[in-house]
C-alpha atoms as a PDB file:
ATOM      1  CA  MET A   1    -126.147  68.338 159.074  1.00  0.00           C
ATOM      2  CA  LEU A   2    -125.446  65.351 156.899  1.00  0.00           C
ATOM      3  CA  TYR A   3    -122.800  64.341 159.683  1.00  0.00           C
ATOM      4  CA  GLY A   4    -124.775  65.884 162.561  1.00  0.00           C
ATOM      5  CA  MET A   5    -122.767  69.011 163.115  1.00  0.00           C
ATOM      6  CA  THR A   6    -122.895  72.709 162.404  1.00  0.00           C
ATOM      7  CA  ASN A   7    -120.550  75.788 163.174  1.00  0.00           C
ATOM      8  CA  ARG A   8    -119.502  76.339 166.707  1.00  0.00           C
ATOM      9  CA  LEU A   9    -119.417  79.478 168.712  1.00  0.00           C
ATOM     10  CA  PRO A  10    -117.568  81.541 168.473  1.00  0.00           C
ATOM     11  CA  TRP A  11    -117.811  81.165 164.656  1.00  0.00           C
ATOM     12  CA  GLY A  12    -115.990  82.671 161.736  1.00  0.00           C
ATOM     13  CA  GLY A  13    -117.816  84.825 159.087  1.00  0.00           C
ATOM     14  CA  THR A  14    -121.614  85.112 159.255  1.00  0.00           C
ATOM     15  CA  ALA A  15    -122.835  81.685 159.861  1.00  0.00           C
ATOM     16  CA  ASP A  16    -124.658  81.880 163.119  1.00  0.00           C
ATOM     17  CA  PRO A  17    -125.540  78.392 164.250  1.00  0.00           C
ATOM     18  CA  ARG A  18    -127.963  79.124 166.874  1.00  0.00           C
ATOM     19  CA  PRO A  19    -131.093  79.052 164.404  1.00  0.00           C
ATOM     20  CA  ILE A  20    -130.336  75.603 163.564  1.00  0.00           C
ATOM     21  CA  TRP A  21    -129.563  74.669 167.166  1.00  0.00           C
ATOM     22  CA  ARG A  22    -133.217  75.951 168.020  1.00  0.00           C
ATOM     23  CA  ALA A  23    -134.566  73.748 165.117  1.00  0.00           C
ATOM     24  CA  TRP A  24    -132.742  70.717 166.616  1.00  0.00           C
ATOM     25  CA  ASP A  25    -134.355  71.515 169.998  1.00  0.00           C
ATOM     26  CA  ALA A  26    -137.858  71.983 168.382  1.00  0.00           C
ATOM     27  CA  PHE A  27    -137.626  68.550 166.666  1.00  0.00           C
ATOM     28  CA  GLY A  28    -135.936  66.734 169.677  1.00  0.00           C
ATOM     29  CA  MET A  29    -132.547  65.773 168.175  1.00  0.00           C
ATOM     30  CA  GLU A  30    -131.580  64.373 171.630  1.00  0.00           C
ATOM     31  CA  GLY A  31    -132.245  60.691 171.420  1.00  0.00           C
ATOM     32  CA  SER A  32    -132.725  60.678 167.649  1.00  0.00           C
ATOM     33  CA  ARG A  33    -131.258  57.638 165.784  1.00  0.00           C
ATOM     34  CA  MET A  34    -129.007  58.987 162.871  1.00  0.00           C
ATOM     35  CA  ILE A  35    -129.122  57.081 159.768  1.00  0.00           C
ATOM     36  CA  GLY A  36    -126.411  58.584 157.412  1.00  0.00           C
ATOM     37  CA  TYR A  37    -126.568  58.687 153.562  1.00  0.00           C
ATOM     38  CA  TRP A  38    -124.014  56.085 153.271  1.00  0.00           C
ATOM     39  CA  VAL A  39    -126.308  53.537 154.811  1.00  0.00           C
ATOM     40  CA  PRO A  40    -127.452  51.320 151.972  1.00  0.00           C
ATOM     41  CA  ASP A  41    -130.959  50.633 153.414  1.00  0.00           C
ATOM     42  CA  ARG A  42    -131.716  54.099 154.688  1.00  0.00           C
ATOM     43  CA  PRO A  43    -135.397  54.942 154.736  1.00  0.00           C
ATOM     44  CA  VAL A  44    -135.062  58.163 152.585  1.00  0.00           C
ATOM     45  CA  LYS A  45    -133.155  58.327 149.353  1.00  0.00           C
ATOM     46  CA  THR A  46    -132.965  61.355 146.928  1.00  0.00           C
ATOM     47  CA  GLY A  47    -132.707  59.532 143.668  1.00  0.00           C
ATOM     48  CA  HIS A  48    -129.746  61.814 142.658  1.00  0.00           C
ATOM     49  CA  ASP A  49    -126.002  60.862 143.161  1.00  0.00           C
ATOM     50  CA  ARG A  50    -125.054  64.365 144.108  1.00  0.00           C
ATOM     51  CA  VAL A  51    -127.870  65.270 146.465  1.00  0.00           C
ATOM     52  CA  LEU A  52    -127.430  63.369 149.742  1.00  0.00           C
ATOM     53  CA  ALA A  53    -129.884  62.591 152.683  1.00  0.00           C
ATOM     54  CA  THR A  54    -129.114  61.855 156.284  1.00  0.00           C
ATOM     55  CA  ILE A  55    -132.252  61.114 158.525  1.00  0.00           C
ATOM     56  CA  TYR A  56    -132.699  61.525 162.198  1.00  0.00           C
ATOM     57  CA  VAL A  57    -135.306  59.270 163.345  1.00  0.00           C
ATOM     58  CA  GLN A  58    -137.811  59.605 166.437  1.00  0.00           C
ATOM     59  CA  PRO A  59    -140.892  57.523 167.000  1.00  0.00           C
ATOM     60  CA  SER A  60    -143.448  58.425 164.133  1.00  0.00           C
ATOM     61  CA  ARG A  61    -141.369  61.296 162.771  1.00  0.00           C
ATOM     62  CA  ALA A  62    -138.093  61.947 161.146  1.00  0.00           C
ATOM     63  CA  LEU A  63    -135.847  65.056 160.294  1.00  0.00           C
ATOM     64  CA  GLY A  64    -134.159  64.816 156.941  1.00  0.00           C
ATOM     65  CA  ALA A  65    -131.097  66.658 156.170  1.00  0.00           C
ATOM     66  CA  ILE A  66    -130.681  67.024 152.450  1.00  0.00           C
ATOM     67  CA  ALA A  67    -127.596  68.633 150.773  1.00  0.00           C
ATOM     68  CA  SER A  68    -126.754  69.251 147.164  1.00  0.00           C
ATOM     69  CA  TRP A  69    -123.273  68.990 145.499  1.00  0.00           C
ATOM     70  CA  ALA A  70    -124.965  68.990 141.930  1.00  0.00           C
ATOM     71  CA  ASP A  71    -123.479  71.723 139.628  1.00  0.00           C
ATOM     72  CA  ASP A  72    -127.060  73.130 138.844  1.00  0.00           C
ATOM     73  CA  PRO A  73    -130.249  73.345 140.709  1.00  0.00           C
ATOM     74  CA  VAL A  74    -132.102  70.129 140.779  1.00  0.00           C
ATOM     75  CA  ALA A  75    -135.569  68.686 141.652  1.00  0.00           C
ATOM     76  CA  ILE A  76    -135.550  65.535 143.623  1.00  0.00           C
ATOM     77  CA  THR A  77    -138.548  63.366 144.629  1.00  0.00           C
ATOM     78  CA  PRO A  78    -137.476  61.608 147.720  1.00  0.00           C
ATOM     79  CA  ALA A  79    -138.177  57.958 147.998  1.00  0.00           C
ATOM     80  CA  ILE A  80    -139.454  57.230 151.622  1.00  0.00           C
ATOM     81  CA  ASP A  81    -139.799  53.889 153.156  1.00  0.00           C
ATOM     82  CA  TRP A  82    -142.717  54.815 155.410  1.00  0.00           C
ATOM     83  CA  ALA A  83    -142.848  51.600 157.191  1.00  0.00           C
ATOM     84  CA  ALA A  84    -139.422  51.994 158.410  1.00  0.00           C
ATOM     85  CA  LEU A  85    -140.265  55.415 159.657  1.00  0.00           C
ATOM     86  CA  GLY A  86    -143.468  54.205 161.299  1.00  0.00           C
ATOM     87  CA  ILE A  87    -145.622  56.878 159.449  1.00  0.00           C
ATOM     88  CA  ASP A  88    -148.810  56.462 157.494  1.00  0.00           C
ATOM     89  CA  PRO A  89    -148.078  58.067 154.031  1.00  0.00           C
ATOM     90  CA  ALA A  90    -151.803  58.773 153.685  1.00  0.00           C
ATOM     91  CA  ARG A  91    -151.478  61.205 156.690  1.00  0.00           C
ATOM     92  CA  ALA A  92    -147.904  62.369 156.239  1.00  0.00           C
ATOM     93  CA  THR A  93    -146.582  65.770 155.709  1.00  0.00           C
ATOM     94  CA  VAL A  94    -142.955  66.954 154.847  1.00  0.00           C
ATOM     95  CA  GLU A  95    -142.482  70.360 156.195  1.00  0.00           C
ATOM     96  CA  ALA A  96    -139.400  72.773 156.145  1.00  0.00           C
ATOM     97  CA  ARG A  97    -139.655  75.078 159.012  1.00  0.00           C
ATOM     98  CA  ALA A  98    -138.265  78.450 158.760  1.00  0.00           C
ATOM     99  CA  ILE A  99    -134.851  78.524 160.053  1.00  0.00           C
ATOM    100  CA  ASP A 100    -133.367  82.069 160.111  1.00  0.00           C
ATOM    101  CA  GLY A 101    -130.565  82.479 157.579  1.00  0.00           C
ATOM    102  CA  PHE A 102    -130.978  78.855 156.390  1.00  0.00           C
ATOM    103  CA  GLN A 103    -134.270  78.120 154.755  1.00  0.00           C
ATOM    104  CA  PRO A 104    -137.779  79.491 154.359  1.00  0.00           C
ATOM    105  CA  ALA A 105    -140.811  77.668 155.681  1.00  0.00           C
ATOM    106  CA  GLN A 106    -142.411  75.380 153.095  1.00  0.00           C
ATOM    107  CA  THR A 107    -144.677  72.415 153.127  1.00  0.00           C
ATOM    108  CA  PHE A 108    -144.235  69.452 150.552  1.00  0.00           C
ATOM    109  CA  ARG A 109    -146.812  66.776 149.933  1.00  0.00           C
ATOM    110  CA  PRO A 110    -145.292  63.140 149.739  1.00  0.00           C
ATOM    111  CA  GLY A 111    -144.056  62.290 146.226  1.00  0.00           C
ATOM    112  CA  GLU A 112    -143.957  66.064 145.267  1.00  0.00           C
ATOM    113  CA  PRO A 113    -140.578  67.167 143.797  1.00  0.00           C
ATOM    114  CA  ILE A 114    -138.426  69.327 146.043  1.00  0.00           C
ATOM    115  CA  ALA A 115    -136.216  72.081 144.363  1.00  0.00           C
ATOM    116  CA  VAL A 116    -132.559  72.040 145.724  1.00  0.00           C
ATOM    117  CA  GLU A 117    -130.144  74.687 144.819  1.00  0.00           C
ATOM    118  CA  SER A 118    -126.429  73.933 144.217  1.00  0.00           C
ATOM    119  CA  GLY A 119    -124.492  74.092 147.279  1.00  0.00           C
ATOM    120  CA  ARG A 120    -127.674  74.298 149.368  1.00  0.00           C
ATOM    121  CA  GLY A 121    -130.109  72.024 151.126  1.00  0.00           C
ATOM    122  CA  TRP A 122    -133.121  71.594 153.332  1.00  0.00           C
ATOM    123  CA  LEU A 123    -134.001  70.318 156.931  1.00  0.00           C
ATOM    124  CA  LEU A 124    -137.262  68.640 156.319  1.00  0.00           C
ATOM    125  CA  GLU A 125    -139.601  67.045 159.284  1.00  0.00           C
ATOM    126  CA  ILE A 126    -141.424  64.104 158.033  1.00  0.00           C
ATOM    127  CA  ARG A 127    -144.497  63.344 160.261  1.00  0.00           C
ATOM    128  CA  GLU A 128    -148.235  62.515 160.305  1.00  0.00           C
ATOM    129  CA  ARG A 129    -150.650  65.357 160.444  1.00  0.00           C
END
């Protein structure tokens, strides 16, 4: 997701991409503006050199793809440019929707640390409540 891609069908191994495709559809990926982790003024930064974040932006909401290349599990506290996303931080929520075979459902408060396992990541929807 850091590069806007997943496995394709037919896939090798056990990685079925359909649950992530459904998550894309639920968010409304079509028409989103992708801002990659390599963009210096990206609106979400992880604060960790080996944990990267690419953001897909829609009006008043965003989908963050976070991935870790750290050797061990880490806790990151994303630095979010709320104005750039058009979101009021006082009314914001950061939510990981359940994606079969990828991530459990979990809600984070803005400013709350997020645990990221080595070699894993999150898809986080950032929006107003």
